[in-house]
Amino acid sequence: MTMFNHLPFKSGALLGLMPAVLLAAACTPVGAAEDPPTTSTVEETATKHPISGLEIIDVTIVSGEARHTFKTELADTGEAQTRGLMFRTELADDEAMIFPSYVPQARSFWMRNTPISLDIIFVGTDGTISNIAERTEPYSLDSLPSKGLASAVFEIRGGLSEELGIEPGDAVEYDLPENPPE
């Protein structure tokens, strides 16, 4: 005797309905306003910056024996790269933004609509710092170019690279998501 004997249909019929029941359950919306956040929603929120909404990744600069790790906003779309840190009024010492070049290229930045001073660090194709535009002038329209091709541009608070001893030749370590945005 099975636990389904009291039902008005045979247990074999119930097994035949299982795929339909599972499909219906799989199509049921999750995360409605009244539902508490799921673990994956909480983790997803924790990896997004509260102001920009950009994904956060760890970027580490290896300077001699020192390792400096930053919680870094990943500006990996044209729109995110155009906006950058414009209009931001603060950047903590452990925060940064990275602008990857999925195809290495000469890069040039300016400080249009950016009220805080930044150190703009250009990362060469070998994964080391090629040059740094230190203590940039807020709102300046002056072009700040890379020396040679850049695989990424990394921005931190103005003056922080000098304080931490970060300089050209230091290694920059980070992992990008597998699928670059289109």
Protein backbone atom coordinates (compact mmCIF):
# COMPACT_ATOMS: atom_id res chain seq x y z
CA MET A 1 0.00 0.00 0.00
CA THR A 2 1.33 3.44 -0.92
CA MET A 3 0.60 6.76 0.72
CA PHE A 4 -1.40 7.74 -2.41
CA ASN A 5 -4.05 4.97 -2.07
CA HIS A 6 -6.55 7.38 -0.50
CA LEU A 7 -6.48 9.65 -3.56
CA PRO A 8 -9.24 9.31 -6.20
CA PHE A 9 -6.68 8.32 -8.89
CA LYS A 10 -3.93 5.74 -9.07
CA SER A 11 -0.37 6.58 -8.00
CA GLY A 12 0.86 5.84 -11.54
CA ALA A 13 -1.31 8.71 -12.81
CA LEU A 14 0.33 11.00 -10.27
CA LEU A 15 3.76 10.06 -11.56
CA GLY A 16 2.56 10.86 -15.07
CA LEU A 17 1.60 14.35 -13.87
CA MET A 18 5.00 15.04 -12.26
CA PRO A 19 6.63 16.62 -15.34
CA ALA A 20 3.70 19.04 -15.68
CA VAL A 21 3.81 19.88 -11.96
CA LEU A 22 7.56 20.48 -12.09
CA LEU A 23 7.23 22.65 -15.21
CA ALA A 24 4.50 24.76 -13.56
CA ALA A 25 6.66 25.18 -10.47
CA ALA A 26 9.65 26.18 -12.59
CA CYS A 27 7.59 28.89 -14.33
CA THR A 28 6.22 30.38 -11.12
CA PRO A 29 7.61 33.91 -10.56
CA VAL A 30 9.96 34.21 -7.61
CA GLY A 31 10.94 37.37 -5.79
CA ALA A 32 7.62 39.21 -5.76
CA ALA A 33 7.46 42.30 -3.59
CA GLU A 34 6.08 40.35 -0.63
CA ASP A 35 8.70 37.57 -0.86
CA PRO A 36 11.86 37.94 1.27
CA PRO A 37 15.07 38.19 -0.80
CA THR A 38 16.66 34.90 -1.73
CA THR A 39 20.32 34.16 -1.09
CA SER A 40 21.24 34.77 -4.73
CA THR A 41 19.42 38.15 -4.68
CA VAL A 42 21.32 39.17 -1.55
CA GLU A 43 24.64 38.07 -3.08
CA GLU A 44 23.81 39.88 -6.33
CA THR A 45 23.03 43.09 -4.42
CA ALA A 46 26.27 42.76 -2.47
CA THR A 47 28.29 42.67 -5.70
CA LYS A 48 26.69 45.82 -7.18
CA HIS A 49 27.78 49.34 -6.29
CA PRO A 50 24.98 51.22 -4.47
CA ILE A 51 25.40 54.41 -6.56
CA SER A 52 26.42 53.24 -10.03
CA GLY A 53 24.81 49.79 -9.99
CA LEU A 54 27.98 48.43 -11.59
CA GLU A 55 29.38 45.03 -10.70
CA ILE A 56 32.10 45.08 -8.03
CA ILE A 57 35.29 43.08 -8.57
CA ASP A 58 38.55 42.93 -6.63
CA VAL A 59 41.56 44.57 -8.25
CA THR A 60 44.97 44.19 -6.61
CA ILE A 61 48.06 46.24 -7.32
CA VAL A 62 51.30 44.49 -6.42
CA SER A 63 53.89 47.09 -5.53
CA GLY A 64 57.10 45.42 -4.35
CA GLU A 65 56.17 43.31 -1.33
CA ALA A 66 52.91 45.26 -0.77
CA ARG A 67 49.53 44.19 -2.15
CA HIS A 68 46.78 46.82 -2.35
CA THR A 69 43.29 45.43 -3.02
CA PHE A 70 40.42 47.67 -4.06
CA LYS A 71 36.66 47.03 -4.28
CA THR A 72 36.33 48.12 -7.89
CA GLU A 73 33.37 49.16 -10.00
CA LEU A 74 33.57 47.41 -13.37
CA ALA A 75 32.79 49.92 -16.14
CA ASP A 76 32.56 47.32 -18.90
CA THR A 77 30.04 48.92 -21.27
CA GLY A 78 30.36 52.00 -23.45
CA GLU A 79 27.74 53.80 -21.38
CA ALA A 80 29.44 52.98 -18.07
CA GLN A 81 32.83 54.02 -19.46
CA THR A 82 31.46 57.33 -20.74
CA ARG A 83 29.95 58.14 -17.35
CA GLY A 84 32.84 56.84 -15.25
CA LEU A 85 33.08 58.69 -11.95
CA MET A 86 31.37 61.85 -13.24
CA PHE A 87 29.31 63.69 -10.63
CA ARG A 88 30.70 61.57 -7.78
CA THR A 89 31.74 63.59 -4.75
CA GLU A 90 33.72 60.93 -2.89
CA LEU A 91 35.75 57.79 -3.39
CA ALA A 92 37.00 55.82 -0.37
CA ASP A 93 40.62 54.70 -0.18
CA ASP A 94 39.62 51.07 -0.80
CA GLU A 95 37.34 51.89 -3.76
CA ALA A 96 38.15 52.25 -7.45
CA MET A 97 36.77 51.98 -10.96
CA ILE A 98 38.25 49.97 -13.82
CA PHE A 99 37.66 50.51 -17.54
CA PRO A 100 38.77 47.36 -19.37
CA SER A 101 39.71 47.43 -23.05
CA TYR A 102 38.73 44.04 -24.45
CA VAL A 103 40.97 44.97 -27.39
CA PRO A 104 44.07 46.88 -26.16
CA GLN A 105 44.15 50.45 -27.46
CA ALA A 106 45.56 53.88 -26.76
CA ARG A 107 43.31 55.47 -24.13
CA SER A 108 42.78 59.08 -23.13
CA PHE A 109 40.68 60.40 -20.25
CA TRP A 110 39.53 63.80 -19.03
CA MET A 111 37.86 65.10 -15.87
CA ARG A 112 34.69 66.56 -17.37
CA ASN A 113 31.92 66.74 -14.72
CA THR A 114 34.18 65.02 -12.17
CA PRO A 115 34.36 67.05 -8.93
CA ILE A 116 37.02 64.91 -7.20
CA SER A 117 40.71 64.53 -7.99
CA LEU A 118 41.72 61.08 -9.23
CA ASP A 119 44.85 59.11 -9.97
CA ILE A 120 44.28 57.63 -13.42
CA ILE A 121 46.37 54.47 -13.79
CA PHE A 122 46.95 53.10 -17.29
CA VAL A 123 47.51 49.33 -17.42
CA GLY A 124 49.65 48.11 -20.33
CA THR A 125 49.14 44.96 -22.35
CA ASP A 126 51.56 43.08 -20.07
CA GLY A 127 49.35 43.71 -16.99
CA THR A 128 51.66 46.28 -15.44
CA ILE A 129 51.18 50.01 -14.93
CA SER A 130 52.51 51.93 -17.92
CA ASN A 131 51.84 55.43 -16.58
CA ILE A 132 49.81 57.34 -13.99
CA ALA A 133 48.09 60.73 -14.32
CA GLU A 134 48.32 61.71 -10.66
CA ARG A 135 46.15 64.16 -8.75
CA THR A 136 44.04 65.12 -11.75
CA GLU A 137 42.36 68.50 -11.73
CA PRO A 138 38.59 68.28 -11.13
CA TYR A 139 36.46 69.37 -14.11
CA SER A 140 39.50 69.73 -16.40
CA LEU A 141 39.01 69.07 -20.11
CA ASP A 142 42.73 68.39 -20.62
CA SER A 143 43.45 65.05 -22.28
CA LEU A 144 45.28 62.52 -20.09
CA PRO A 145 46.65 59.81 -22.43
CA SER A 146 48.12 56.36 -21.93
CA LYS A 147 51.70 55.70 -22.94
CA GLY A 148 51.15 53.03 -25.56
CA LEU A 149 48.34 50.51 -25.70
CA ALA A 150 46.25 49.99 -22.56
CA SER A 151 44.43 46.83 -21.56
CA ALA A 152 42.61 48.79 -18.85
CA VAL A 153 42.40 52.11 -17.06
CA PHE A 154 42.09 52.09 -13.27
CA GLU A 155 40.99 55.10 -11.19
CA ILE A 156 41.57 55.69 -7.48
CA ARG A 157 41.40 58.72 -5.19
CA GLY A 158 43.79 61.49 -6.21
CA GLY A 159 47.15 61.23 -4.41
CA LEU A 160 46.55 57.67 -3.20
CA SER A 161 49.06 56.08 -5.60
CA GLU A 162 51.85 58.25 -4.13
CA GLU A 163 50.70 57.50 -0.55
CA LEU A 164 50.74 53.75 -1.23
CA GLY A 165 53.93 53.75 -3.31
CA ILE A 166 52.14 52.63 -6.47
CA GLU A 167 54.19 53.36 -9.58
CA PRO A 168 54.75 52.37 -13.23
CA GLY A 169 55.91 48.76 -13.51
CA ASP A 170 53.68 47.51 -10.67
CA ALA A 171 51.45 44.55 -11.55
CA VAL A 172 47.67 44.93 -11.70
CA GLU A 173 45.69 41.73 -10.99
CA TYR A 174 41.99 41.23 -11.70
CA ASP A 175 39.58 38.80 -13.33
CA LEU A 176 36.90 39.96 -15.75
CA PRO A 177 33.61 38.15 -16.28
CA GLU A 178 33.83 35.44 -18.95
CA ASN A 179 31.44 37.08 -21.42
CA PRO A 180 32.25 40.69 -22.26
CA PRO A 181 29.24 42.94 -22.87
CA GLU A 182 28.28 43.53 -26.50
